[in-house]
Each structure stands twice: as structure tokens, then as C-alpha cells.
Amino acid sequence: MLSRTADNLYWLTRYVERADCLARILDVSQRLAYTPVTYGGSTNEWSSAVLTAGCADEFVARYGPLEEAKEENVVSFLAFESENPSSIRNCFEVARTNARSVRTALTSEMWDVINSAWIELRNFPNRALTRDELSRFLAFVKETSLRFDGATFRTMLRNDGYWFARSGAQLERADNTARILDVKYHVLLPEKEHIGGPLDYFQWASILRSVSALTAFHWVYRDSVKPWLVADLLILNRQMPRSLAACYDSLARNLDDIASVYGRQGPSQRQARAMLARLTNKSIDDIFQTGLHEFISEFISDNNKLGAEITEQYLT
């Protein structure tokens, strides 16, 4: 496969996954913004949304101090802002551009999902959305991602194109899960609130909902929502599709399949296996003992390093 084709497939799935993550971030921020006062009052959920998305500098340059972030500005910036390269609108624009470039490498179902989503996106007003309009928009984005993921899984040949596409999606998903966990742990809970209080519980439950894991949490642990159990589910539990361990289990296998086609292992395969081994050999007690923030910061750095190695090894 040409490196240009592999690059387009890889980034196509990354941008679809990124749009889905942004929709989930906005969804949980909206839930937290309307937290009943009995749970402890308001928090800085809108600034935390910007931090989770990883575009705080760009937001501050356009709207001012992050501490003063408002719902209207954050929603506009993360969902529709043309000057934000990672906004949902731009994610779909770039995804469709990549899809057009490799139209013959996609199945008709995959193309239909991306193209119809790009067309439907124009029907949403380019203004401040009401609460109901925002809910419909976020549901549309998440549904599009699910449809595209399903179309890819059910209709694409298991060849190098499929493995590059899945590698991009899993790499992006791991990054997004790690960022959501890290920002909750260090940003959302106000200083005057205590860990384990009603607001803390509501926030952790909202985080689980944002990654479609609340029901799974209760199935696995049969316990009330506790920070260390949430972290265990989203970091180490391979049964959870969005966990870091599950993402790297799939990522390592996909990269090994690519290597088997091209007859050569490389830095990306070694890096993926090393990160999977690290996740396999860790316990949640080890992670909390050394620091959740430190663990996740190192993970995000290594995840970005793997992305760079995939690009250098195959996509340039």
C-alpha cells in the first residue's frame, strides 16, 4: 500500500474518533453544568472541557482566561470554530477530505457514513445552540462515530488498509481516555469539596457516562463509584473497550499484522508491545502509589511518541 493511502486511512479514523471524544467531553460538561445544587454547586467544568481537549492555549488566545470560560464560548470553540483545527466541524471536514482521497480503499458503507455526516452537519445552525439543540448535535456526532466504526468492522477487508485504520482509531481513543481521566482527577473537584463527597461521586459517574462505561462499571465491580475502581476500569481492564489496556492490546496486534504483511518489525511494534507489557504488569495500587497524574502524563507522552514512530515508519 502507498504510504499516502495508509496515511489517509490512519488519519481518517483518528479524526472520526476525535470528533466522538469531543462530543463526549461536551456531553459530560453539560451534565456537570446542570448538577443539582444539592450535589455541591457549580464547578469549573467548562474550563476542564478545554483542558481535556488539549487546546487550552488556542482557547485562551481567542477568548481570554481559561478560568472565565463560559458554556457558549466553549461549545462554539470545540464544536464549530473554524479556527480551531480540532473542532468537531473541522474533524469531519478533514475526515471527509481524507476519505475522498482514498475513496477506492473504502467500502461504500464507510463512505456513505462520512459523506452523509458531512452533509448533515450543515443543517446545524452556526450560532449558540439551545440545550435541546446541543443534545441533538452531540447525539448525532456520537451516532456517526458508532456507525462508521461498525461499517469499518463489518465491511472492510482484513488487510493492511484495515489495520492502519484501526491503529489510528485505537491510538486516538487511548489518548482521549487518558486525558479524560487526568483532567477529572486534577481539575474538576473544587478545593472546598472533599474526595468521596456527593459532588465527587456525581462527577466520577458523569465521567463513566461520557465513555459509555457506567453500566459496565456496575457489572464488573458491583460497588458504588470509587475513583480507584473507575481508574482500574479505564486503565487496566481489557474487558472495557475504551480502557488503555484494551486499546493497546488491539493496537499491538494491528501493528504486528502490518509487520507480517511487510515482512519487517520496527520501532512502532516494539514501542506498542512495551507499553502493553507495562499496562499488563501494573496494578491500580502501583499507579496510585506513584501518582495517577504522573502515570497518565507519561502514558500520553509515550502514546504521542508511538504516533510519531508509526508516521516515520510507514506514513512518510
C-alpha atoms as a PDB file:
ATOM      1  CA  MET A   1       0.000   0.000   0.000  1.00  0.00           C
ATOM      2  CA  LEU A   2       1.223   3.509  -0.804  1.00  0.00           C
ATOM      3  CA  SER A   3       2.250   5.475   2.268  1.00  0.00           C
ATOM      4  CA  ARG A   4      -0.120   8.266   1.202  1.00  0.00           C
ATOM      5  CA  THR A   5      -3.073   5.870   1.200  1.00  0.00           C
ATOM      6  CA  ALA A   6      -2.078   4.429   4.574  1.00  0.00           C
ATOM      7  CA  ASP A   7      -1.692   7.957   5.953  1.00  0.00           C
ATOM      8  CA  ASN A   8      -5.179   8.984   4.809  1.00  0.00           C
ATOM      9  CA  LEU A   9      -6.806   5.875   6.299  1.00  0.00           C
ATOM     10  CA  TYR A  10      -4.905   6.314   9.561  1.00  0.00           C
ATOM     11  CA  TRP A  11      -5.909   9.965   9.964  1.00  0.00           C
ATOM     12  CA  LEU A  12      -9.451   9.411   8.724  1.00  0.00           C
ATOM     13  CA  THR A  13     -10.193   7.161  11.682  1.00  0.00           C
ATOM     14  CA  ARG A  14      -8.259   9.366  14.099  1.00  0.00           C
ATOM     15  CA  TYR A  15     -10.355  12.400  13.214  1.00  0.00           C
ATOM     16  CA  VAL A  16     -13.642  10.494  13.468  1.00  0.00           C
ATOM     17  CA  GLU A  17     -12.566   9.209  16.878  1.00  0.00           C
ATOM     18  CA  ARG A  18     -11.510  12.720  17.927  1.00  0.00           C
ATOM     19  CA  ALA A  19     -14.890  14.162  16.958  1.00  0.00           C
ATOM     20  CA  ASP A  20     -16.575  11.457  19.036  1.00  0.00           C
ATOM     21  CA  CYS A  21     -14.377  12.252  22.028  1.00  0.00           C
ATOM     22  CA  LEU A  22     -15.108  15.987  21.793  1.00  0.00           C
ATOM     23  CA  ALA A  23     -18.829  15.241  21.702  1.00  0.00           C
ATOM     24  CA  ARG A  24     -18.483  13.093  24.817  1.00  0.00           C
ATOM     25  CA  ILE A  25     -16.462  15.810  26.581  1.00  0.00           C
ATOM     26  CA  LEU A  26     -19.137  18.401  25.819  1.00  0.00           C
ATOM     27  CA  ASP A  27     -21.863  15.986  26.861  1.00  0.00           C
ATOM     28  CA  VAL A  28     -20.354  15.360  30.293  1.00  0.00           C
ATOM     29  CA  SER A  29     -19.609  19.073  30.726  1.00  0.00           C
ATOM     30  CA  GLN A  30     -23.232  19.866  30.016  1.00  0.00           C
ATOM     31  CA  ARG A  31     -24.340  17.254  32.576  1.00  0.00           C
ATOM     32  CA  LEU A  32     -21.995  18.684  35.187  1.00  0.00           C
ATOM     33  CA  ALA A  33     -23.012  22.270  34.412  1.00  0.00           C
ATOM     34  CA  TYR A  34     -26.568  21.430  35.404  1.00  0.00           C
ATOM     35  CA  THR A  35     -25.580  19.482  38.502  1.00  0.00           C
ATOM     36  CA  PRO A  36     -28.297  19.933  41.158  1.00  0.00           C
ATOM     37  CA  VAL A  37     -27.194  22.314  43.885  1.00  0.00           C
ATOM     38  CA  THR A  38     -27.760  19.524  46.398  1.00  0.00           C
ATOM     39  CA  TYR A  39     -24.688  17.817  44.907  1.00  0.00           C
ATOM     40  CA  GLY A  40     -22.464  20.689  45.874  1.00  0.00           C
ATOM     41  CA  GLY A  41     -22.957  23.547  43.432  1.00  0.00           C
ATOM     42  CA  SER A  42     -21.075  24.580  40.350  1.00  0.00           C
ATOM     43  CA  THR A  43     -17.554  23.639  39.309  1.00  0.00           C
ATOM     44  CA  ASN A  44     -15.156  24.653  36.529  1.00  0.00           C
ATOM     45  CA  GLU A  45     -16.466  22.012  34.125  1.00  0.00           C
ATOM     46  CA  TRP A  46     -16.241  24.225  31.015  1.00  0.00           C
ATOM     47  CA  SER A  47     -12.582  25.081  31.531  1.00  0.00           C
ATOM     48  CA  SER A  48     -11.901  21.413  32.233  1.00  0.00           C
ATOM     49  CA  ALA A  49     -13.521  20.558  28.884  1.00  0.00           C
ATOM     50  CA  VAL A  50     -10.989  22.767  27.089  1.00  0.00           C
ATOM     51  CA  LEU A  51      -8.108  21.222  29.035  1.00  0.00           C
ATOM     52  CA  THR A  52      -9.308  17.704  28.250  1.00  0.00           C
ATOM     53  CA  ALA A  53      -9.448  18.543  24.541  1.00  0.00           C
ATOM     54  CA  GLY A  54      -5.813  19.661  24.713  1.00  0.00           C
ATOM     55  CA  CYS A  55      -6.350  23.092  23.136  1.00  0.00           C
ATOM     56  CA  ALA A  56      -6.191  25.466  26.103  1.00  0.00           C
ATOM     57  CA  ASP A  57      -3.610  27.798  24.526  1.00  0.00           C
ATOM     58  CA  GLU A  58      -5.707  28.364  21.421  1.00  0.00           C
ATOM     59  CA  PHE A  59      -8.827  28.957  23.516  1.00  0.00           C
ATOM     60  CA  VAL A  60      -7.105  31.483  25.787  1.00  0.00           C
ATOM     61  CA  ALA A  61      -5.728  33.353  22.782  1.00  0.00           C
ATOM     62  CA  ARG A  62      -9.244  33.736  21.394  1.00  0.00           C
ATOM     63  CA  TYR A  63     -11.498  34.061  24.461  1.00  0.00           C
ATOM     64  CA  GLY A  64      -9.311  35.099  27.372  1.00  0.00           C
ATOM     65  CA  PRO A  65      -8.522  33.466  30.741  1.00  0.00           C
ATOM     66  CA  LEU A  66      -9.470  29.818  30.998  1.00  0.00           C
ATOM     67  CA  GLU A  67     -10.913  30.313  34.470  1.00  0.00           C
ATOM     68  CA  GLU A  68     -13.610  32.538  32.934  1.00  0.00           C
ATOM     69  CA  ALA A  69     -14.625  30.042  30.245  1.00  0.00           C
ATOM     70  CA  LYS A  70     -18.356  30.090  29.544  1.00  0.00           C
ATOM     71  CA  GLU A  71     -20.593  27.457  28.024  1.00  0.00           C
ATOM     72  CA  GLU A  72     -21.347  29.392  24.839  1.00  0.00           C
ATOM     73  CA  ASN A  73     -17.656  30.042  24.091  1.00  0.00           C
ATOM     74  CA  VAL A  74     -16.512  26.505  24.880  1.00  0.00           C
ATOM     75  CA  VAL A  75     -19.261  24.866  22.821  1.00  0.00           C
ATOM     76  CA  SER A  76     -18.565  27.176  19.890  1.00  0.00           C
ATOM     77  CA  PHE A  77     -14.805  26.603  20.104  1.00  0.00           C
ATOM     78  CA  LEU A  78     -14.871  22.809  20.469  1.00  0.00           C
ATOM     79  CA  ALA A  79     -17.800  22.125  18.154  1.00  0.00           C
ATOM     80  CA  PHE A  80     -17.915  24.698  15.355  1.00  0.00           C
ATOM     81  CA  GLU A  81     -14.904  27.028  15.442  1.00  0.00           C
ATOM     82  CA  SER A  82     -13.226  27.050  12.016  1.00  0.00           C
ATOM     83  CA  GLU A  83     -10.006  28.437  13.508  1.00  0.00           C
ATOM     84  CA  ASN A  84      -9.740  25.502  15.910  1.00  0.00           C
ATOM     85  CA  PRO A  85      -8.197  22.668  13.853  1.00  0.00           C
ATOM     86  CA  SER A  86      -9.563  20.091  16.297  1.00  0.00           C
ATOM     87  CA  SER A  87     -13.171  21.322  16.455  1.00  0.00           C
ATOM     88  CA  ILE A  88     -15.849  18.765  15.634  1.00  0.00           C
ATOM     89  CA  ARG A  89     -16.695  20.573  12.407  1.00  0.00           C
ATOM     90  CA  ASN A  90     -13.062  20.574  11.278  1.00  0.00           C
ATOM     91  CA  CYS A  91     -12.628  16.934  12.314  1.00  0.00           C
ATOM     92  CA  PHE A  92     -15.449  15.938   9.969  1.00  0.00           C
ATOM     93  CA  GLU A  93     -14.127  18.223   7.224  1.00  0.00           C
ATOM     94  CA  VAL A  94     -10.663  16.675   7.377  1.00  0.00           C
ATOM     95  CA  ALA A  95     -12.079  13.157   7.737  1.00  0.00           C
ATOM     96  CA  ARG A  96     -14.163  13.604   4.578  1.00  0.00           C
ATOM     97  CA  THR A  97     -11.186  15.062   2.705  1.00  0.00           C
ATOM     98  CA  ASN A  98      -9.102  12.034   3.667  1.00  0.00           C
ATOM     99  CA  ALA A  99     -11.977   9.711   2.742  1.00  0.00           C
ATOM    100  CA  ARG A 100     -12.277  11.299  -0.719  1.00  0.00           C
ATOM    101  CA  SER A 101      -8.540  10.856  -1.248  1.00  0.00           C
ATOM    102  CA  VAL A 102      -8.814   7.100  -0.633  1.00  0.00           C
ATOM    103  CA  ARG A 103     -12.368   6.584  -1.896  1.00  0.00           C
ATOM    104  CA  THR A 104     -11.450   3.330  -3.656  1.00  0.00           C
ATOM    105  CA  ALA A 105      -9.913   1.928  -0.451  1.00  0.00           C
ATOM    106  CA  LEU A 106     -13.175   2.392   1.463  1.00  0.00           C
ATOM    107  CA  THR A 107     -16.325   0.358   1.274  1.00  0.00           C
ATOM    108  CA  SER A 108     -19.470   2.125   0.101  1.00  0.00           C
ATOM    109  CA  GLU A 109     -20.901   1.902   3.632  1.00  0.00           C
ATOM    110  CA  MET A 110     -17.897   3.687   5.134  1.00  0.00           C
ATOM    111  CA  TRP A 111     -18.052   6.460   2.549  1.00  0.00           C
ATOM    112  CA  ASP A 112     -21.806   6.897   2.980  1.00  0.00           C
ATOM    113  CA  VAL A 113     -21.429   7.424   6.731  1.00  0.00           C
ATOM    114  CA  ILE A 114     -18.731  10.091   6.357  1.00  0.00           C
ATOM    115  CA  ASN A 115     -20.334  11.872   3.422  1.00  0.00           C
ATOM    116  CA  SER A 116     -23.846  11.931   4.900  1.00  0.00           C
ATOM    117  CA  ALA A 117     -22.472  13.213   8.223  1.00  0.00           C
ATOM    118  CA  TRP A 118     -20.613  15.999   6.428  1.00  0.00           C
ATOM    119  CA  ILE A 119     -23.816  16.993   4.631  1.00  0.00           C
ATOM    120  CA  GLU A 120     -25.987  16.790   7.740  1.00  0.00           C
ATOM    121  CA  LEU A 121     -23.501  18.884   9.720  1.00  0.00           C
ATOM    122  CA  ARG A 122     -24.512  21.861   7.586  1.00  0.00           C
ATOM    123  CA  ASN A 123     -28.061  21.645   8.924  1.00  0.00           C
ATOM    124  CA  PHE A 124     -26.962  22.620  12.415  1.00  0.00           C
ATOM    125  CA  PRO A 125     -27.125  26.395  12.979  1.00  0.00           C
ATOM    126  CA  ASN A 126     -23.847  28.288  13.235  1.00  0.00           C
ATOM    127  CA  ARG A 127     -24.918  30.116  16.403  1.00  0.00           C
ATOM    128  CA  ALA A 128     -25.352  29.498  20.096  1.00  0.00           C
ATOM    129  CA  LEU A 129     -27.386  26.309  20.454  1.00  0.00           C
ATOM    130  CA  THR A 130     -30.202  25.741  22.883  1.00  0.00           C
ATOM    131  CA  ARG A 131     -29.807  22.898  25.354  1.00  0.00           C
ATOM    132  CA  ASP A 132     -32.017  20.622  23.230  1.00  0.00           C
ATOM    133  CA  GLU A 133     -30.182  21.554  20.013  1.00  0.00           C
ATOM    134  CA  LEU A 134     -26.818  20.847  21.636  1.00  0.00           C
ATOM    135  CA  SER A 135     -28.046  17.472  22.897  1.00  0.00           C
ATOM    136  CA  ARG A 136     -29.244  16.526  19.399  1.00  0.00           C
ATOM    137  CA  PHE A 137     -25.955  17.670  17.876  1.00  0.00           C
ATOM    138  CA  LEU A 138     -23.840  15.654  20.318  1.00  0.00           C
ATOM    139  CA  ALA A 139     -26.037  12.593  19.806  1.00  0.00           C
ATOM    140  CA  PHE A 140     -25.591  12.983  16.031  1.00  0.00           C
ATOM    141  CA  VAL A 141     -21.784  13.093  16.366  1.00  0.00           C
ATOM    142  CA  LYS A 142     -21.634  10.020  18.627  1.00  0.00           C
ATOM    143  CA  GLU A 143     -24.033   8.103  16.393  1.00  0.00           C
ATOM    144  CA  THR A 144     -21.921   8.943  13.329  1.00  0.00           C
ATOM    145  CA  SER A 145     -18.808   7.612  15.040  1.00  0.00           C
ATOM    146  CA  LEU A 146     -20.590   4.394  16.036  1.00  0.00           C
ATOM    147  CA  ARG A 147     -21.941   3.910  12.503  1.00  0.00           C
ATOM    148  CA  PHE A 148     -18.519   4.472  10.954  1.00  0.00           C
ATOM    149  CA  ASP A 149     -16.848   2.145  13.441  1.00  0.00           C
ATOM    150  CA  GLY A 150     -19.456  -0.506  12.714  1.00  0.00           C
ATOM    151  CA  ALA A 151     -19.159  -0.068   8.954  1.00  0.00           C
ATOM    152  CA  THR A 152     -15.378  -0.410   9.190  1.00  0.00           C
ATOM    153  CA  PHE A 153     -15.546  -3.527  11.342  1.00  0.00           C
ATOM    154  CA  ARG A 154     -18.283  -5.260   9.344  1.00  0.00           C
ATOM    155  CA  THR A 155     -17.392  -4.420   5.737  1.00  0.00           C
ATOM    156  CA  MET A 156     -13.656  -3.778   5.345  1.00  0.00           C
ATOM    157  CA  LEU A 157     -11.209  -6.450   4.222  1.00  0.00           C
ATOM    158  CA  ARG A 158      -8.736  -7.540   6.883  1.00  0.00           C
ATOM    159  CA  ASN A 159      -5.676  -6.240   5.084  1.00  0.00           C
ATOM    160  CA  ASP A 160      -3.087  -3.523   5.702  1.00  0.00           C
ATOM    161  CA  GLY A 161      -5.652  -0.786   4.991  1.00  0.00           C
ATOM    162  CA  TYR A 162      -7.908  -2.089   7.752  1.00  0.00           C
ATOM    163  CA  TRP A 163      -5.019  -2.398  10.206  1.00  0.00           C
ATOM    164  CA  PHE A 164      -3.819   1.157   9.548  1.00  0.00           C
ATOM    165  CA  ALA A 165      -7.381   2.431  10.034  1.00  0.00           C
ATOM    166  CA  ARG A 166      -7.833   0.531  13.293  1.00  0.00           C
ATOM    167  CA  SER A 167      -4.407   1.582  14.569  1.00  0.00           C
ATOM    168  CA  GLY A 168      -5.320   5.236  14.121  1.00  0.00           C
ATOM    169  CA  ALA A 169      -8.624   4.816  15.941  1.00  0.00           C
ATOM    170  CA  GLN A 170      -7.092   2.902  18.872  1.00  0.00           C
ATOM    171  CA  LEU A 171      -4.197   5.356  19.284  1.00  0.00           C
ATOM    172  CA  GLU A 172      -6.607   8.308  19.360  1.00  0.00           C
ATOM    173  CA  ARG A 173      -9.014   6.517  21.712  1.00  0.00           C
ATOM    174  CA  ALA A 174      -6.239   5.733  24.203  1.00  0.00           C
ATOM    175  CA  ASP A 175      -5.130   9.367  24.222  1.00  0.00           C
ATOM    176  CA  ASN A 176      -8.687  10.580  24.764  1.00  0.00           C
ATOM    177  CA  THR A 177      -9.400   8.179  27.640  1.00  0.00           C
ATOM    178  CA  ALA A 178      -6.169   9.170  29.379  1.00  0.00           C
ATOM    179  CA  ARG A 179      -6.935  12.899  29.073  1.00  0.00           C
ATOM    180  CA  ILE A 180     -10.472  12.499  30.412  1.00  0.00           C
ATOM    181  CA  LEU A 181      -9.172  10.639  33.462  1.00  0.00           C
ATOM    182  CA  ASP A 182      -6.354  13.076  34.153  1.00  0.00           C
ATOM    183  CA  VAL A 183      -8.433  16.241  33.962  1.00  0.00           C
ATOM    184  CA  LYS A 184     -11.125  14.817  36.256  1.00  0.00           C
ATOM    185  CA  TYR A 185      -8.571  13.823  38.840  1.00  0.00           C
ATOM    186  CA  HIS A 186      -6.836  17.213  38.971  1.00  0.00           C
ATOM    187  CA  VAL A 187      -9.259  19.859  37.790  1.00  0.00           C
ATOM    188  CA  LEU A 188     -12.951  19.247  38.296  1.00  0.00           C
ATOM    189  CA  LEU A 189     -13.326  18.874  42.066  1.00  0.00           C
ATOM    190  CA  PRO A 190     -13.283  22.328  43.777  1.00  0.00           C
ATOM    191  CA  GLU A 191     -10.805  22.798  46.600  1.00  0.00           C
ATOM    192  CA  LYS A 192     -13.574  23.209  49.193  1.00  0.00           C
ATOM    193  CA  GLU A 193     -15.088  19.835  48.277  1.00  0.00           C
ATOM    194  CA  HIS A 194     -13.733  16.617  49.769  1.00  0.00           C
ATOM    195  CA  ILE A 195     -12.926  13.452  47.851  1.00  0.00           C
ATOM    196  CA  GLY A 196     -15.741  10.955  48.223  1.00  0.00           C
ATOM    197  CA  GLY A 197     -18.383  13.625  48.715  1.00  0.00           C
ATOM    198  CA  PRO A 198     -21.610  13.852  46.700  1.00  0.00           C
ATOM    199  CA  LEU A 199     -20.130  16.187  44.073  1.00  0.00           C
ATOM    200  CA  ASP A 200     -17.095  13.928  43.626  1.00  0.00           C
ATOM    201  CA  TYR A 201     -19.393  10.903  43.201  1.00  0.00           C
ATOM    202  CA  PHE A 202     -21.560  12.705  40.651  1.00  0.00           C
ATOM    203  CA  GLN A 203     -18.505  13.793  38.649  1.00  0.00           C
ATOM    204  CA  TRP A 204     -16.996  10.295  38.509  1.00  0.00           C
ATOM    205  CA  ALA A 205     -20.359   8.864  37.451  1.00  0.00           C
ATOM    206  CA  SER A 206     -20.552  11.512  34.724  1.00  0.00           C
ATOM    207  CA  ILE A 207     -17.066  10.577  33.524  1.00  0.00           C
ATOM    208  CA  LEU A 208     -18.170   6.950  33.249  1.00  0.00           C
ATOM    209  CA  ARG A 209     -21.234   8.018  31.280  1.00  0.00           C
ATOM    210  CA  SER A 210     -19.040  10.077  28.945  1.00  0.00           C
ATOM    211  CA  VAL A 211     -17.206   6.921  27.859  1.00  0.00           C
ATOM    212  CA  SER A 212     -20.330   4.703  27.950  1.00  0.00           C
ATOM    213  CA  ALA A 213     -18.959   2.759  30.909  1.00  0.00           C
ATOM    214  CA  LEU A 214     -21.336   3.329  33.824  1.00  0.00           C
ATOM    215  CA  THR A 215     -23.289   0.113  33.271  1.00  0.00           C
ATOM    216  CA  ALA A 216     -20.075  -1.816  32.640  1.00  0.00           C
ATOM    217  CA  PHE A 217     -18.635  -0.457  35.887  1.00  0.00           C
ATOM    218  CA  HIS A 218     -21.518  -1.842  37.930  1.00  0.00           C
ATOM    219  CA  TRP A 219     -21.345  -5.179  36.106  1.00  0.00           C
ATOM    220  CA  VAL A 220     -17.635  -5.553  36.818  1.00  0.00           C
ATOM    221  CA  TYR A 221     -17.314  -4.191  40.359  1.00  0.00           C
ATOM    222  CA  ARG A 222     -20.832  -4.367  41.826  1.00  0.00           C
ATOM    223  CA  ASP A 223     -19.908  -1.480  44.088  1.00  0.00           C
ATOM    224  CA  SER A 224     -20.520   2.238  44.402  1.00  0.00           C
ATOM    225  CA  VAL A 225     -18.485   4.544  42.183  1.00  0.00           C
ATOM    226  CA  LYS A 226     -15.000   4.983  43.655  1.00  0.00           C
ATOM    227  CA  PRO A 227     -12.067   6.808  41.983  1.00  0.00           C
ATOM    228  CA  TRP A 228      -9.632   3.864  42.147  1.00  0.00           C
ATOM    229  CA  LEU A 229     -12.194   1.476  40.671  1.00  0.00           C
ATOM    230  CA  VAL A 230     -13.003   3.916  37.854  1.00  0.00           C
ATOM    231  CA  ALA A 231      -9.290   4.257  37.136  1.00  0.00           C
ATOM    232  CA  ASP A 232      -8.859   0.474  37.199  1.00  0.00           C
ATOM    233  CA  LEU A 233     -11.688   0.059  34.675  1.00  0.00           C
ATOM    234  CA  LEU A 234     -10.450   2.768  32.296  1.00  0.00           C
ATOM    235  CA  ILE A 235      -6.734   1.947  32.535  1.00  0.00           C
ATOM    236  CA  LEU A 236      -6.172  -1.757  33.180  1.00  0.00           C
ATOM    237  CA  ASN A 237      -9.379  -3.684  32.440  1.00  0.00           C
ATOM    238  CA  ARG A 238      -9.164  -5.218  28.945  1.00  0.00           C
ATOM    239  CA  GLN A 239     -12.865  -6.060  29.008  1.00  0.00           C
ATOM    240  CA  MET A 240     -13.578  -2.327  28.699  1.00  0.00           C
ATOM    241  CA  PRO A 241     -13.149  -1.333  25.004  1.00  0.00           C
ATOM    242  CA  ARG A 242     -12.042   2.214  25.823  1.00  0.00           C
ATOM    243  CA  SER A 243      -9.519   1.268  28.500  1.00  0.00           C
ATOM    244  CA  LEU A 244      -5.844   1.956  27.840  1.00  0.00           C
ATOM    245  CA  ALA A 245      -5.058  -1.766  28.110  1.00  0.00           C
ATOM    246  CA  ALA A 246      -7.776  -2.732  25.616  1.00  0.00           C
ATOM    247  CA  CYS A 247      -6.670  -0.048  23.151  1.00  0.00           C
ATOM    248  CA  TYR A 248      -3.062  -1.210  23.314  1.00  0.00           C
ATOM    249  CA  ASP A 249      -3.997  -4.866  23.091  1.00  0.00           C
ATOM    250  CA  SER A 250      -5.691  -4.116  19.763  1.00  0.00           C
ATOM    251  CA  LEU A 251      -3.019  -1.658  18.672  1.00  0.00           C
ATOM    252  CA  ALA A 252      -0.153  -4.098  19.243  1.00  0.00           C
ATOM    253  CA  ARG A 253      -1.977  -6.817  17.279  1.00  0.00           C
ATOM    254  CA  ASN A 254      -2.781  -4.474  14.392  1.00  0.00           C
ATOM    255  CA  LEU A 255       0.821  -3.269  14.153  1.00  0.00           C
ATOM    256  CA  ASP A 256       2.067  -6.868  14.264  1.00  0.00           C
ATOM    257  CA  ASP A 257      -0.328  -7.723  11.416  1.00  0.00           C
ATOM    258  CA  ILE A 258       1.082  -4.816   9.394  1.00  0.00           C
ATOM    259  CA  ALA A 259       4.601  -6.018  10.102  1.00  0.00           C
ATOM    260  CA  SER A 260       3.711  -9.543   8.960  1.00  0.00           C
ATOM    261  CA  VAL A 261       2.475  -8.175   5.623  1.00  0.00           C
ATOM    262  CA  TYR A 262       5.597  -6.090   5.030  1.00  0.00           C
ATOM    263  CA  GLY A 263       7.940  -8.718   6.466  1.00  0.00           C
ATOM    264  CA  ARG A 264       9.629  -6.461   8.988  1.00  0.00           C
ATOM    265  CA  GLN A 265       9.226  -5.406  12.601  1.00  0.00           C
ATOM    266  CA  GLY A 266      10.200  -1.877  13.597  1.00  0.00           C
ATOM    267  CA  PRO A 267      10.201   0.774  16.354  1.00  0.00           C
ATOM    268  CA  SER A 268       6.415   1.125  16.382  1.00  0.00           C
ATOM    269  CA  GLN A 269       5.862  -2.590  17.087  1.00  0.00           C
ATOM    270  CA  ARG A 270       8.459  -2.564  19.863  1.00  0.00           C
ATOM    271  CA  GLN A 271       7.005   0.582  21.434  1.00  0.00           C
ATOM    272  CA  ALA A 272       3.443  -0.784  21.342  1.00  0.00           C
ATOM    273  CA  ARG A 273       4.470  -4.092  22.926  1.00  0.00           C
ATOM    274  CA  ALA A 274       6.493  -2.297  25.615  1.00  0.00           C
ATOM    275  CA  MET A 275       3.525  -0.107  26.562  1.00  0.00           C
ATOM    276  CA  LEU A 276       1.183  -3.112  26.580  1.00  0.00           C
ATOM    277  CA  ALA A 277       3.592  -5.005  28.854  1.00  0.00           C
ATOM    278  CA  ARG A 278       3.752  -2.009  31.193  1.00  0.00           C
ATOM    279  CA  LEU A 279      -0.054  -1.898  31.442  1.00  0.00           C
ATOM    280  CA  THR A 280      -0.227  -5.671  31.921  1.00  0.00           C
ATOM    281  CA  ASN A 281       2.306  -5.677  34.758  1.00  0.00           C
ATOM    282  CA  LYS A 282       0.848  -2.695  36.634  1.00  0.00           C
ATOM    283  CA  SER A 283      -1.763  -2.830  39.375  1.00  0.00           C
ATOM    284  CA  ILE A 284      -4.015   0.068  40.240  1.00  0.00           C
ATOM    285  CA  ASP A 285      -2.303   0.265  43.643  1.00  0.00           C
ATOM    286  CA  ASP A 286       1.057   0.730  41.896  1.00  0.00           C
ATOM    287  CA  ILE A 287      -0.407   3.525  39.764  1.00  0.00           C
ATOM    288  CA  PHE A 288      -1.946   5.429  42.694  1.00  0.00           C
ATOM    289  CA  GLN A 289       1.190   4.965  44.775  1.00  0.00           C
ATOM    290  CA  THR A 290       3.391   6.632  42.165  1.00  0.00           C
ATOM    291  CA  GLY A 291       0.686   9.149  41.224  1.00  0.00           C
ATOM    292  CA  LEU A 292      -2.173   8.912  38.733  1.00  0.00           C
ATOM    293  CA  HIS A 293      -1.274  12.216  37.105  1.00  0.00           C
ATOM    294  CA  GLU A 294       2.369  11.195  36.684  1.00  0.00           C
ATOM    295  CA  PHE A 295       1.370   7.836  35.213  1.00  0.00           C
ATOM    296  CA  ILE A 296      -1.059   9.386  32.730  1.00  0.00           C
ATOM    297  CA  SER A 297       1.334  12.178  31.738  1.00  0.00           C
ATOM    298  CA  GLU A 298       3.984   9.583  30.932  1.00  0.00           C
ATOM    299  CA  PHE A 299       1.414   7.493  29.062  1.00  0.00           C
ATOM    300  CA  ILE A 300       0.256  10.426  26.904  1.00  0.00           C
ATOM    301  CA  SER A 301       3.880  11.292  26.094  1.00  0.00           C
ATOM    302  CA  ASP A 302       4.667   7.689  25.129  1.00  0.00           C
ATOM    303  CA  ASN A 303       1.420   7.438  23.148  1.00  0.00           C
ATOM    304  CA  ASN A 304       2.410  10.536  21.147  1.00  0.00           C
ATOM    305  CA  LYS A 305       5.849   9.010  20.635  1.00  0.00           C
ATOM    306  CA  LEU A 306       4.243   5.868  19.208  1.00  0.00           C
ATOM    307  CA  GLY A 307       2.185   8.003  16.828  1.00  0.00           C
ATOM    308  CA  ALA A 308       5.366   9.693  15.623  1.00  0.00           C
ATOM    309  CA  GLU A 309       7.071   6.319  15.144  1.00  0.00           C
ATOM    310  CA  ILE A 310       4.127   4.963  13.117  1.00  0.00           C
ATOM    311  CA  THR A 311       4.297   8.055  10.920  1.00  0.00           C
ATOM    312  CA  GLU A 312       8.054   7.785  10.405  1.00  0.00           C
ATOM    313  CA  GLN A 313       7.986   4.026   9.810  1.00  0.00           C
ATOM    314  CA  TYR A 314       5.032   3.808   7.446  1.00  0.00           C
ATOM    315  CA  LEU A 315       3.363   7.108   6.546  1.00  0.00           C
ATOM    316  CA  THR A 316       6.153   9.282   5.139  1.00  0.00           C
END
